[in-house]
Amino acid sequence: PDGRYRVRVLIAREEYRGLRAYFLAERWNWSVEKLSEELRRIRYEPYAPVRKQLLKLLFLINQKRKTAGYKKVAADVFRYRRDIVKVFEPTAAMPVREAA
């Protein structure tokens, strides 16, 4: 309430619901290795609120796995450190344009 704007980084609601539906529908019963590999492919920068969402997803998956008698998936499948990128500098994914 100091009148300033704040930035909050989250996975969009619909996107998060889609991830949850994808993993909780039938993927939760895959082997730990296969499920870990699939969870590692989720590519969001691990800002604290995003990590919280991903860990909540993992909690829900492990809850289902525990009920069915499967082994838990470890929380180390996610990245916990962000990649620092310099603003306004070209990256490998962004080609450098030459002036015309």
N, C-alpha and C. Protein backbone atom coordinates (compact mmCIF):
# COMPACT_ATOMS: atom_id res chain seq x y z
N PRO A 1 0.79 -1.23 0.00
CA PRO A 1 0.00 0.00 0.00
C PRO A 1 0.83 1.28 0.00
N ASP A 2 2.01 1.28 -0.61
CA ASP A 2 2.78 2.52 -0.68
C ASP A 2 2.56 3.22 -2.02
N GLY A 3 1.63 2.72 -2.84
CA GLY A 3 1.31 3.35 -4.10
C GLY A 3 2.23 2.98 -5.25
N ARG A 4 3.22 2.16 -5.02
CA ARG A 4 4.14 1.76 -6.08
C ARG A 4 3.67 0.47 -6.75
N TYR A 5 4.06 0.33 -7.99
CA TYR A 5 3.73 -0.89 -8.71
C TYR A 5 4.75 -1.97 -8.37
N ARG A 6 4.29 -3.20 -8.35
CA ARG A 6 5.16 -4.33 -8.07
C ARG A 6 5.05 -5.35 -9.20
N VAL A 7 6.11 -6.06 -9.42
CA VAL A 7 6.10 -7.12 -10.42
C VAL A 7 6.00 -8.44 -9.69
N ARG A 8 5.13 -9.30 -10.18
CA ARG A 8 5.00 -10.63 -9.60
C ARG A 8 5.04 -11.64 -10.73
N VAL A 9 5.99 -12.52 -10.68
CA VAL A 9 6.18 -13.50 -11.75
C VAL A 9 5.54 -14.81 -11.33
N LEU A 10 4.61 -15.29 -12.14
CA LEU A 10 3.92 -16.56 -11.90
C LEU A 10 3.69 -17.25 -13.24
N ILE A 11 3.42 -18.54 -13.17
CA ILE A 11 2.93 -19.24 -14.35
C ILE A 11 1.46 -18.86 -14.47
N ALA A 12 1.03 -18.49 -15.66
CA ALA A 12 -0.36 -18.07 -15.87
C ALA A 12 -1.32 -19.16 -15.40
N ARG A 13 -2.47 -18.74 -14.89
CA ARG A 13 -3.44 -19.70 -14.32
C ARG A 13 -3.80 -20.82 -15.29
N GLU A 14 -4.16 -20.46 -16.50
CA GLU A 14 -4.56 -21.48 -17.47
C GLU A 14 -3.41 -22.42 -17.80
N GLU A 15 -2.21 -21.87 -17.93
CA GLU A 15 -1.03 -22.69 -18.22
C GLU A 15 -0.77 -23.65 -17.06
N TYR A 16 -0.87 -23.15 -15.83
CA TYR A 16 -0.63 -23.98 -14.65
C TYR A 16 -1.70 -25.07 -14.55
N ARG A 17 -2.93 -24.70 -14.80
CA ARG A 17 -4.01 -25.71 -14.78
C ARG A 17 -3.78 -26.78 -15.83
N GLY A 18 -3.27 -26.37 -16.99
CA GLY A 18 -2.95 -27.33 -18.04
C GLY A 18 -1.84 -28.28 -17.62
N LEU A 19 -0.79 -27.73 -16.99
CA LEU A 19 0.30 -28.58 -16.47
C LEU A 19 -0.23 -29.56 -15.44
N ARG A 20 -1.04 -29.05 -14.53
CA ARG A 20 -1.61 -29.91 -13.48
C ARG A 20 -2.45 -31.03 -14.09
N ALA A 21 -3.29 -30.67 -15.03
CA ALA A 21 -4.15 -31.68 -15.67
C ALA A 21 -3.30 -32.70 -16.41
N TYR A 22 -2.26 -32.23 -17.10
CA TYR A 22 -1.38 -33.12 -17.87
C TYR A 22 -0.72 -34.16 -16.97
N PHE A 23 -0.16 -33.71 -15.85
CA PHE A 23 0.57 -34.63 -14.98
C PHE A 23 -0.33 -35.45 -14.07
N LEU A 24 -1.46 -34.91 -13.65
CA LEU A 24 -2.30 -35.65 -12.71
C LEU A 24 -3.29 -36.58 -13.41
N ALA A 25 -3.47 -36.43 -14.71
CA ALA A 25 -4.40 -37.29 -15.43
C ALA A 25 -3.88 -38.73 -15.48
N GLU A 26 -2.71 -38.91 -16.08
CA GLU A 26 -2.20 -40.27 -16.19
C GLU A 26 -0.69 -40.34 -16.13
N ARG A 27 0.00 -39.22 -16.07
CA ARG A 27 1.46 -39.23 -16.06
C ARG A 27 2.03 -39.55 -14.69
N TRP A 28 1.26 -39.35 -13.64
CA TRP A 28 1.75 -39.54 -12.28
C TRP A 28 2.22 -40.97 -12.02
N ASN A 29 1.72 -41.94 -12.78
CA ASN A 29 2.09 -43.34 -12.51
C ASN A 29 3.24 -43.83 -13.38
N TRP A 30 3.91 -42.94 -14.09
CA TRP A 30 5.11 -43.32 -14.83
C TRP A 30 6.23 -43.67 -13.86
N SER A 31 7.30 -44.23 -14.37
CA SER A 31 8.46 -44.53 -13.52
C SER A 31 9.05 -43.21 -13.02
N VAL A 32 9.76 -43.26 -11.90
CA VAL A 32 10.36 -42.06 -11.32
C VAL A 32 11.30 -41.39 -12.33
N GLU A 33 12.08 -42.18 -13.05
CA GLU A 33 13.03 -41.64 -14.02
C GLU A 33 12.32 -40.90 -15.15
N LYS A 34 11.31 -41.53 -15.71
CA LYS A 34 10.58 -40.93 -16.83
C LYS A 34 9.83 -39.67 -16.40
N LEU A 35 9.21 -39.73 -15.24
CA LEU A 35 8.48 -38.58 -14.71
C LEU A 35 9.44 -37.44 -14.37
N SER A 36 10.59 -37.77 -13.79
CA SER A 36 11.60 -36.76 -13.47
C SER A 36 12.08 -36.06 -14.73
N GLU A 37 12.32 -36.85 -15.77
CA GLU A 37 12.77 -36.28 -17.05
C GLU A 37 11.71 -35.34 -17.61
N GLU A 38 10.47 -35.74 -17.53
CA GLU A 38 9.37 -34.91 -18.05
C GLU A 38 9.22 -33.62 -17.23
N LEU A 39 9.37 -33.71 -15.93
CA LEU A 39 9.27 -32.51 -15.08
C LEU A 39 10.45 -31.56 -15.33
N ARG A 40 11.63 -32.11 -15.61
CA ARG A 40 12.79 -31.27 -15.90
C ARG A 40 12.60 -30.45 -17.18
N ARG A 41 11.76 -30.92 -18.06
CA ARG A 41 11.52 -30.22 -19.33
C ARG A 41 10.66 -28.97 -19.17
N ILE A 42 10.06 -28.79 -18.03
CA ILE A 42 9.27 -27.58 -17.79
C ILE A 42 10.24 -26.42 -17.69
N ARG A 43 10.17 -25.50 -18.63
CA ARG A 43 11.17 -24.44 -18.73
C ARG A 43 10.61 -23.07 -18.31
N TYR A 44 10.60 -22.81 -17.04
CA TYR A 44 10.27 -21.50 -16.51
C TYR A 44 11.43 -21.05 -15.65
N GLU A 45 11.71 -19.75 -15.65
CA GLU A 45 12.75 -19.26 -14.76
C GLU A 45 12.27 -19.47 -13.33
N PRO A 46 13.12 -20.00 -12.48
CA PRO A 46 12.67 -20.38 -11.13
C PRO A 46 12.62 -19.22 -10.13
N TYR A 47 11.82 -18.20 -10.44
CA TYR A 47 11.55 -17.16 -9.44
C TYR A 47 10.79 -17.83 -8.31
N ALA A 48 10.85 -17.28 -7.12
CA ALA A 48 10.27 -17.92 -5.94
C ALA A 48 8.80 -18.31 -6.13
N PRO A 49 7.92 -17.42 -6.63
CA PRO A 49 6.52 -17.85 -6.80
C PRO A 49 6.36 -18.98 -7.82
N VAL A 50 7.19 -18.99 -8.86
CA VAL A 50 7.13 -20.06 -9.86
C VAL A 50 7.59 -21.37 -9.24
N ARG A 51 8.68 -21.32 -8.47
CA ARG A 51 9.15 -22.53 -7.76
C ARG A 51 8.06 -23.07 -6.85
N LYS A 52 7.37 -22.16 -6.17
CA LYS A 52 6.30 -22.57 -5.26
C LYS A 52 5.20 -23.31 -6.03
N GLN A 53 4.84 -22.79 -7.21
CA GLN A 53 3.83 -23.46 -8.03
C GLN A 53 4.30 -24.84 -8.48
N LEU A 54 5.55 -24.93 -8.91
CA LEU A 54 6.07 -26.22 -9.38
C LEU A 54 6.19 -27.22 -8.23
N LEU A 55 6.59 -26.74 -7.06
CA LEU A 55 6.68 -27.65 -5.91
C LEU A 55 5.29 -28.11 -5.46
N LYS A 56 4.30 -27.25 -5.60
CA LYS A 56 2.92 -27.64 -5.30
C LYS A 56 2.47 -28.74 -6.27
N LEU A 57 2.83 -28.57 -7.55
CA LEU A 57 2.52 -29.60 -8.55
C LEU A 57 3.18 -30.92 -8.18
N LEU A 58 4.45 -30.85 -7.79
CA LEU A 58 5.16 -32.07 -7.39
C LEU A 58 4.53 -32.70 -6.15
N PHE A 59 4.09 -31.87 -5.22
CA PHE A 59 3.41 -32.37 -4.02
C PHE A 59 2.15 -33.14 -4.40
N LEU A 60 1.36 -32.59 -5.34
CA LEU A 60 0.13 -33.26 -5.76
C LEU A 60 0.43 -34.58 -6.46
N ILE A 61 1.48 -34.58 -7.29
CA ILE A 61 1.89 -35.81 -7.97
C ILE A 61 2.31 -36.85 -6.95
N ASN A 62 3.17 -36.45 -6.00
CA ASN A 62 3.66 -37.40 -4.99
C ASN A 62 2.55 -37.88 -4.07
N GLN A 63 1.56 -37.05 -3.85
CA GLN A 63 0.41 -37.47 -3.03
C GLN A 63 -0.32 -38.61 -3.74
N LYS A 64 -0.55 -38.45 -5.04
CA LYS A 64 -1.21 -39.52 -5.81
C LYS A 64 -0.36 -40.77 -5.85
N ARG A 65 0.95 -40.59 -6.02
CA ARG A 65 1.87 -41.74 -6.08
C ARG A 65 1.88 -42.49 -4.75
N LYS A 66 1.88 -41.74 -3.65
CA LYS A 66 1.90 -42.36 -2.32
C LYS A 66 0.64 -43.19 -2.09
N THR A 67 -0.50 -42.65 -2.49
CA THR A 67 -1.77 -43.36 -2.33
C THR A 67 -1.77 -44.67 -3.11
N ALA A 68 -1.13 -44.66 -4.28
CA ALA A 68 -1.08 -45.86 -5.12
C ALA A 68 0.08 -46.79 -4.77
N GLY A 69 0.95 -46.36 -3.83
CA GLY A 69 2.06 -47.21 -3.41
C GLY A 69 3.32 -47.06 -4.25
N TYR A 70 3.41 -45.98 -5.04
CA TYR A 70 4.60 -45.74 -5.86
C TYR A 70 5.63 -44.93 -5.09
N LYS A 71 6.87 -44.95 -5.60
CA LYS A 71 7.96 -44.18 -5.01
C LYS A 71 7.79 -42.70 -5.30
N LYS A 72 8.20 -41.85 -4.35
CA LYS A 72 8.11 -40.40 -4.53
C LYS A 72 9.14 -39.90 -5.53
N VAL A 73 8.83 -38.79 -6.18
CA VAL A 73 9.76 -38.10 -7.06
C VAL A 73 10.44 -37.02 -6.23
N ALA A 74 11.76 -36.95 -6.29
CA ALA A 74 12.51 -35.99 -5.48
C ALA A 74 12.32 -34.57 -6.01
N ALA A 75 12.44 -33.61 -5.12
CA ALA A 75 12.25 -32.20 -5.48
C ALA A 75 13.42 -31.62 -6.26
N ASP A 76 14.49 -32.37 -6.40
CA ASP A 76 15.65 -31.84 -7.13
C ASP A 76 15.49 -31.92 -8.65
N VAL A 77 14.30 -32.27 -9.12
CA VAL A 77 14.06 -32.30 -10.57
C VAL A 77 13.96 -30.88 -11.13
N PHE A 78 13.69 -29.90 -10.29
CA PHE A 78 13.53 -28.52 -10.72
C PHE A 78 14.81 -27.72 -10.49
N ARG A 79 14.99 -26.69 -11.31
CA ARG A 79 16.10 -25.77 -11.10
C ARG A 79 15.71 -24.82 -9.96
N TYR A 80 16.68 -24.44 -9.16
CA TYR A 80 16.42 -23.52 -8.06
C TYR A 80 17.16 -22.20 -8.24
N ARG A 81 18.04 -22.13 -9.22
CA ARG A 81 18.80 -20.90 -9.47
C ARG A 81 18.42 -20.36 -10.84
N ARG A 82 18.21 -19.07 -10.89
CA ARG A 82 17.86 -18.43 -12.16
C ARG A 82 19.11 -18.22 -13.01
N ASP A 83 18.92 -18.21 -14.32
CA ASP A 83 19.98 -17.83 -15.24
C ASP A 83 19.94 -16.31 -15.36
N ILE A 84 21.03 -15.65 -15.04
CA ILE A 84 21.08 -14.20 -15.12
C ILE A 84 21.40 -13.82 -16.56
N VAL A 85 20.58 -12.97 -17.12
CA VAL A 85 20.72 -12.54 -18.50
C VAL A 85 20.84 -11.03 -18.52
N LYS A 86 21.81 -10.52 -19.25
CA LYS A 86 21.96 -9.07 -19.37
C LYS A 86 20.89 -8.54 -20.30
N VAL A 87 20.23 -7.51 -19.86
CA VAL A 87 19.16 -6.91 -20.64
C VAL A 87 19.75 -6.18 -21.85
N PHE A 88 19.07 -6.27 -22.97
CA PHE A 88 19.44 -5.57 -24.21
C PHE A 88 20.74 -6.07 -24.83
N GLU A 89 21.22 -7.23 -24.45
CA GLU A 89 22.39 -7.82 -25.10
C GLU A 89 21.92 -9.08 -25.81
N PRO A 90 22.42 -9.32 -27.02
CA PRO A 90 21.99 -10.51 -27.76
C PRO A 90 22.40 -11.80 -27.04
N THR A 91 21.54 -12.78 -27.13
CA THR A 91 21.84 -14.10 -26.58
C THR A 91 22.01 -15.07 -27.73
N ALA A 92 22.32 -16.31 -27.41
CA ALA A 92 22.50 -17.33 -28.45
C ALA A 92 21.20 -17.57 -29.20
N ALA A 93 20.07 -17.42 -28.50
CA ALA A 93 18.77 -17.66 -29.12
C ALA A 93 18.30 -16.47 -29.96
N MET A 94 18.95 -15.31 -29.80
CA MET A 94 18.53 -14.09 -30.49
C MET A 94 19.62 -13.67 -31.48
N PRO A 95 19.34 -13.76 -32.78
CA PRO A 95 20.36 -13.37 -33.76
C PRO A 95 20.62 -11.86 -33.73
N VAL A 96 21.83 -11.48 -34.04
CA VAL A 96 22.21 -10.07 -34.08
C VAL A 96 21.89 -9.54 -35.47
N ARG A 97 21.15 -8.44 -35.53
CA ARG A 97 20.79 -7.84 -36.81
C ARG A 97 21.78 -6.74 -37.14
N GLU A 98 22.15 -6.69 -38.39
CA GLU A 98 23.04 -5.63 -38.83
C GLU A 98 22.21 -4.47 -39.37
N ALA A 99 22.70 -3.26 -39.17
CA ALA A 99 21.98 -2.09 -39.64
C ALA A 99 21.98 -2.07 -41.18
N ALA A 100 20.85 -1.66 -41.74
CA ALA A 100 20.71 -1.65 -43.20
C ALA A 100 21.23 -0.36 -43.80
